[in-house]
Amino acid sequence: DEARRRRTAARVALGKRAARGLLVLETKAGSPAAKAGLRKDDVLVLAGAAPILGVRQLKDLLRRTNPSPLTVYRRGKAVQLVWRGAFEGLEALPLPERLQSR
């Protein structure tokens, strides 16, 4: 089912790390999210030095600091990206609680 696929994708992105963050479900081509380099199944964990706890909080962080450095986990490795522009083109959900503390 879809919930299981999301948990598996988050585990693969995080490797052995427990984290809070957002699981990227989709980015729209040509959007600021896609231009930043975000990909489906990435896990967004930091915007600058701030932990990402939810979509609304990420929007607020990006509105205050733009361009904004992002840290994502992809296939067990940390990847540094930079978001420029408005909060557009990103569909994401908070990580399931089971992945937040191991």
Protein backbone atom coordinates (compact mmCIF):
# COMPACT_ATOMS: atom_id res chain seq x y z
CA ASP A 1 0.00 0.00 0.00
CA GLU A 2 1.01 3.66 -0.31
CA ALA A 3 1.82 4.15 3.39
CA ARG A 4 4.23 1.21 3.30
CA ARG A 5 5.88 2.56 0.13
CA ARG A 6 6.41 5.93 1.84
CA ARG A 7 7.96 4.33 4.93
CA THR A 8 10.27 2.24 2.75
CA ALA A 9 11.28 5.28 0.66
CA ALA A 10 12.05 7.26 3.81
CA ARG A 11 14.16 4.41 5.25
CA VAL A 12 16.16 4.16 2.03
CA ALA A 13 16.72 7.93 1.93
CA LEU A 14 17.77 8.12 5.59
CA GLY A 15 19.92 5.03 5.70
CA LYS A 16 20.40 4.19 9.38
CA ARG A 17 19.66 7.69 10.63
CA ALA A 18 16.57 8.60 12.61
CA ALA A 19 15.33 12.03 11.68
CA ARG A 20 12.41 14.36 11.58
CA GLY A 21 11.60 15.93 8.29
CA LEU A 22 9.48 15.83 5.17
CA LEU A 23 9.29 13.02 2.64
CA VAL A 24 9.15 14.46 -0.89
CA LEU A 25 6.23 12.93 -2.78
CA GLU A 26 6.52 14.98 -5.96
CA THR A 27 8.20 18.00 -7.52
CA LYS A 28 6.76 19.80 -10.52
CA ALA A 29 9.06 20.26 -13.49
CA GLY A 30 10.48 23.78 -13.74
CA SER A 31 9.36 24.74 -10.23
CA PRO A 32 11.67 26.16 -7.53
CA ALA A 33 11.54 22.73 -5.84
CA ALA A 34 12.75 20.98 -9.01
CA LYS A 35 15.35 23.68 -9.73
CA ALA A 36 16.73 23.21 -6.20
CA GLY A 37 17.34 19.57 -7.10
CA LEU A 38 14.70 17.93 -4.90
CA ARG A 39 13.61 14.48 -6.05
CA LYS A 40 10.78 12.16 -5.19
CA ASP A 41 11.58 10.16 -2.02
CA ASP A 42 14.20 12.65 -0.74
CA VAL A 43 13.84 13.49 2.95
CA LEU A 44 14.18 17.19 3.76
CA VAL A 45 15.72 17.57 7.23
CA LEU A 46 17.21 21.10 7.48
CA ALA A 47 16.61 24.55 6.03
CA GLY A 48 19.76 26.42 6.98
CA ALA A 49 20.39 25.23 10.54
CA ALA A 50 16.68 24.80 11.39
CA PRO A 51 15.20 21.29 11.56
CA ILE A 52 12.22 20.88 9.24
CA LEU A 53 9.17 19.79 11.21
CA GLY A 54 6.34 20.43 8.73
CA VAL A 55 5.32 21.99 5.42
CA ARG A 56 4.00 25.22 6.97
CA GLN A 57 7.23 25.72 8.91
CA LEU A 58 9.31 25.09 5.75
CA LYS A 59 7.26 27.71 3.87
CA ASP A 60 7.91 30.23 6.67
CA LEU A 61 11.65 29.46 6.72
CA LEU A 62 11.93 29.87 2.93
CA ARG A 63 9.99 33.12 3.03
CA ARG A 64 12.43 34.57 5.62
CA THR A 65 15.66 33.24 4.11
CA ASN A 66 15.85 33.05 0.36
CA PRO A 67 17.97 31.63 -1.14
CA SER A 68 18.04 28.99 1.55
CA PRO A 69 20.45 26.08 1.94
CA LEU A 70 18.69 22.74 2.39
CA THR A 71 19.94 19.42 3.68
CA VAL A 72 18.21 16.33 2.35
CA TYR A 73 18.91 12.66 2.73
CA ARG A 74 18.97 10.64 -0.47
CA ARG A 75 19.88 6.94 -0.47
CA GLY A 76 21.50 7.21 2.95
CA LYS A 77 23.67 10.22 2.18
CA ALA A 78 23.31 13.88 3.08
CA VAL A 79 22.96 16.13 0.03
CA GLN A 80 23.25 19.94 0.16
CA LEU A 81 20.89 21.92 -2.08
CA VAL A 82 19.86 25.58 -2.39
CA TRP A 83 16.24 26.70 -2.72
CA ARG A 84 15.64 29.95 -4.61
CA GLY A 85 12.28 31.59 -5.14
CA ALA A 86 8.73 31.09 -3.89
CA PHE A 87 7.48 27.95 -2.20
CA GLU A 88 6.05 26.20 -5.26
CA GLY A 89 6.13 22.82 -6.89
CA LEU A 90 6.62 20.64 -3.81
CA GLU A 91 4.30 18.00 -2.42
CA ALA A 92 5.61 16.51 0.83
CA LEU A 93 4.43 14.86 4.03
CA PRO A 94 5.98 14.65 7.51
CA LEU A 95 7.89 11.44 8.17
CA PRO A 96 5.98 8.68 9.93
CA GLU A 97 6.68 8.79 13.68
CA ARG A 98 8.25 5.32 13.60
CA LEU A 99 11.13 6.76 11.54
CA GLN A 100 11.66 9.78 13.78
CA SER A 101 13.18 7.93 16.72
CA ARG A 102 14.94 4.62 16.48
